[in-house]
Amino acid sequence: MRILVITDGGDDVVGKVHALCDAGASVLIREPSLPPGLPLDRVILHARMPGAAAIAHALHLSSDMDVGSWRARFAGTLGVSAHSREDAMAALAAGADYAMLSPIFAARHGRAALGPKGLAGLWALGGVLPEHLGICRDSGAVGIAVQGAIWRASEPIAALRSYRPTTPPMGLEAEP
């Protein structure tokens, strides 16, 4: 199962990103601004960060961003967050290379969990814990995306290892 870690601020963002990439995770940088020193060839940048589109190999869009207009001006890997399977499929049809569906399980943002049904071809995000890997895989998920359980862990690399990914990280290829 592929795994993508989403940043969430805190201390030493750049150091954590390097360590997680070196440990085999893909990393989505979702910060208010671009921290200097990131391995830009190894990460996905959130499109809301000022200047991200000009330097990114891969961009991630929020659910309220127009995939078609971004696809028209960005040639790299383009992903999107979605809160329904229909929205995820529409984003893929509009040119997104991947879509994250959330929240699949209980998440800290308080949205109702969608459950793992209908994950075929999508990334699972939201409350995904190591014990959910089997059900996500069996539901056809391409991979899982995790924020708090890894990024905010006192030992992020140990937390990453608890998920035991069994395939390579997402990378920056066109199809995750």
Protein backbone atom coordinates (compact mmCIF):
# COMPACT_ATOMS: atom_id res chain seq x y z
CA MET A 1 0.00 0.00 0.00
CA ARG A 2 1.41 3.37 -0.99
CA ILE A 3 1.57 6.08 1.66
CA LEU A 4 1.57 9.86 1.45
CA VAL A 5 2.31 12.01 4.50
CA ILE A 6 0.77 15.48 4.68
CA THR A 7 2.64 18.19 6.56
CA ASP A 8 0.98 20.17 9.32
CA GLY A 9 3.49 22.76 10.51
CA GLY A 10 5.44 22.46 13.73
CA ASP A 11 9.16 22.39 14.34
CA ASP A 12 11.76 21.48 11.72
CA VAL A 13 9.39 20.97 8.78
CA VAL A 14 12.31 20.66 6.34
CA GLY A 15 14.17 18.11 8.46
CA LYS A 16 11.04 15.99 8.90
CA VAL A 17 10.30 16.11 5.17
CA HIS A 18 13.82 14.97 4.28
CA ALA A 19 13.67 12.15 6.84
CA LEU A 20 10.25 10.95 5.67
CA CYS A 21 11.28 11.03 2.00
CA ASP A 22 14.47 9.12 2.86
CA ALA A 23 12.33 6.55 4.71
CA GLY A 24 10.22 5.93 1.61
CA ALA A 25 7.19 8.16 2.12
CA SER A 26 5.81 10.59 -0.38
CA VAL A 27 5.16 13.98 1.20
CA LEU A 28 2.57 16.64 0.43
CA ILE A 29 3.71 20.05 1.63
CA ARG A 30 0.67 21.87 2.96
CA GLU A 31 2.12 24.90 4.70
CA PRO A 32 1.17 28.61 4.59
CA SER A 33 4.43 29.37 2.76
CA LEU A 34 7.22 27.40 1.12
CA PRO A 35 9.94 26.53 3.62
CA PRO A 36 13.44 26.92 2.10
CA GLY A 37 15.51 23.77 1.77
CA LEU A 38 12.78 21.34 0.72
CA PRO A 39 13.69 18.55 -1.71
CA LEU A 40 11.42 19.98 -4.41
CA ASP A 41 12.04 17.07 -6.77
CA ARG A 42 10.73 14.64 -4.15
CA VAL A 43 7.60 16.35 -2.81
CA ILE A 44 4.14 17.50 -3.85
CA LEU A 45 3.34 21.14 -3.16
CA HIS A 46 -0.09 22.43 -2.26
CA ALA A 47 -1.27 24.85 -4.93
CA ARG A 48 -2.35 27.46 -2.33
CA MET A 49 1.27 28.13 -1.33
CA PRO A 50 2.49 31.33 -2.97
CA GLY A 51 4.78 30.52 -5.90
CA ALA A 52 4.23 26.76 -5.72
CA ALA A 53 3.01 26.34 -9.30
CA ALA A 54 6.13 27.99 -10.69
CA ILE A 55 8.54 25.52 -9.06
CA ALA A 56 6.58 22.33 -8.45
CA HIS A 57 6.87 19.02 -10.28
CA ALA A 58 3.61 18.00 -8.64
CA LEU A 59 0.75 20.09 -7.25
CA HIS A 60 -2.19 19.24 -5.02
CA LEU A 61 -5.47 21.16 -5.17
CA SER A 62 -8.10 21.70 -2.50
CA SER A 63 -11.59 20.44 -3.29
CA ASP A 64 -12.79 23.96 -4.14
CA MET A 65 -10.14 24.58 -6.82
CA ASP A 66 -10.95 24.19 -10.53
CA VAL A 67 -9.04 21.15 -11.82
CA GLY A 68 -9.66 22.00 -15.48
CA SER A 69 -8.16 25.48 -15.27
CA TRP A 70 -5.16 24.20 -13.31
CA ARG A 71 -4.62 21.38 -15.79
CA ALA A 72 -4.61 23.91 -18.64
CA ARG A 73 -1.67 25.75 -17.10
CA PHE A 74 0.22 23.04 -15.18
CA ALA A 75 1.84 20.11 -17.00
CA GLY A 76 3.14 18.19 -13.98
CA THR A 77 1.38 15.69 -11.76
CA LEU A 78 -1.85 17.22 -10.48
CA GLY A 79 -3.87 15.87 -7.57
CA VAL A 80 -6.99 16.96 -5.76
CA SER A 81 -8.86 16.43 -2.50
CA ALA A 82 -12.51 15.41 -2.75
CA HIS A 83 -15.28 14.83 -0.24
CA SER A 84 -17.45 12.53 -2.34
CA ARG A 85 -16.70 9.78 -4.83
CA GLU A 86 -18.61 11.73 -7.48
CA ASP A 87 -16.41 14.81 -6.96
CA ALA A 88 -13.28 12.64 -7.06
CA MET A 89 -14.32 11.03 -10.34
CA ALA A 90 -15.23 14.43 -11.82
CA ALA A 91 -11.78 15.75 -10.87
CA LEU A 92 -10.10 12.78 -12.58
CA ALA A 93 -12.25 13.34 -15.68
CA ALA A 94 -11.23 17.04 -15.65
CA GLY A 95 -7.54 16.15 -15.76
CA ALA A 96 -6.37 15.32 -12.25
CA ASP A 97 -3.81 12.52 -12.11
CA TYR A 98 -4.99 11.36 -8.70
CA ALA A 99 -7.71 12.13 -6.17
CA MET A 100 -7.83 11.75 -2.39
CA LEU A 101 -11.23 10.95 -0.93
CA SER A 102 -11.87 12.08 2.63
CA PRO A 103 -12.68 11.54 5.35
CA ILE A 104 -12.77 7.78 5.06
CA PHE A 105 -12.62 7.14 8.80
CA ALA A 106 -13.20 9.46 11.75
CA ALA A 107 -10.97 12.49 11.36
CA ARG A 108 -10.21 15.49 13.55
CA HIS A 109 -12.12 17.93 11.33
CA GLY A 110 -15.51 16.58 12.38
CA ARG A 111 -16.88 15.65 8.95
CA ALA A 112 -18.90 12.45 8.81
CA ALA A 113 -16.81 9.46 7.79
CA LEU A 114 -17.54 8.20 4.28
CA GLY A 115 -16.30 4.67 4.97
CA PRO A 116 -14.04 2.65 2.70
CA LYS A 117 -16.67 1.61 0.15
CA GLY A 118 -15.98 3.15 -3.26
CA LEU A 119 -12.23 3.70 -2.89
CA ALA A 120 -11.34 1.94 -6.16
CA GLY A 121 -8.73 4.04 -7.95
CA LEU A 122 -8.60 6.69 -5.21
CA TRP A 123 -6.39 7.59 -2.27
CA ALA A 124 -7.92 7.18 1.21
CA LEU A 125 -7.52 10.17 3.56
CA GLY A 126 -8.97 10.97 6.94
CA GLY A 127 -8.47 9.00 10.13
CA VAL A 128 -6.55 6.21 8.38
CA LEU A 129 -4.69 4.12 10.97
CA PRO A 130 -2.38 1.13 10.43
CA GLU A 131 -5.22 -1.27 11.17
CA HIS A 132 -7.19 0.19 8.24
CA LEU A 133 -4.63 -0.78 5.58
CA GLY A 134 -6.27 -4.10 4.75
CA ILE A 135 -9.76 -2.69 4.30
CA CYS A 136 -8.43 0.22 2.21
CA ARG A 137 -6.48 -2.20 -0.01
CA ASP A 138 -9.47 -4.57 -0.29
CA SER A 139 -11.67 -1.60 -1.26
CA GLY A 140 -9.35 -0.80 -4.17
CA ALA A 141 -7.57 2.25 -2.76
CA VAL A 142 -4.43 3.24 -4.66
CA GLY A 143 -2.86 4.28 -1.37
CA ILE A 144 -3.42 6.09 1.88
CA ALA A 145 -2.71 9.66 2.92
CA VAL A 146 -1.95 10.39 6.57
CA GLN A 147 -1.39 13.64 8.39
CA GLY A 148 -1.67 13.67 12.17
CA ALA A 149 -0.82 10.08 13.02
CA ILE A 150 2.58 10.43 11.35
CA TRP A 151 3.38 14.14 11.07
CA ARG A 152 2.49 15.01 14.66
CA ALA A 153 3.95 11.81 16.15
CA SER A 154 6.86 12.24 18.54
CA GLU A 155 8.77 9.80 16.28
CA PRO A 156 7.44 10.29 12.73
CA ILE A 157 9.68 7.64 11.17
CA ALA A 158 8.56 5.03 13.70
CA ALA A 159 4.95 6.05 13.05
CA LEU A 160 5.54 5.72 9.30
CA ARG A 161 6.98 2.24 9.79
CA SER A 162 3.89 1.20 11.75
CA TYR A 163 1.95 1.53 8.49
CA ARG A 164 4.37 -0.86 6.73
CA PRO A 165 3.87 0.31 3.14
CA THR A 166 4.27 -2.60 0.77
CA THR A 167 4.75 -0.71 -2.49
CA PRO A 168 6.97 2.20 -3.45
CA PRO A 169 5.99 5.75 -2.48
CA MET A 170 3.72 7.80 -4.70
CA GLY A 171 6.63 9.53 -6.42
CA LEU A 172 5.98 12.08 -9.09
CA GLU A 173 4.83 9.82 -11.89
CA ALA A 174 1.68 10.70 -13.77
CA GLU A 175 -0.36 7.84 -12.33
CA PRO A 176 0.14 7.02 -8.63
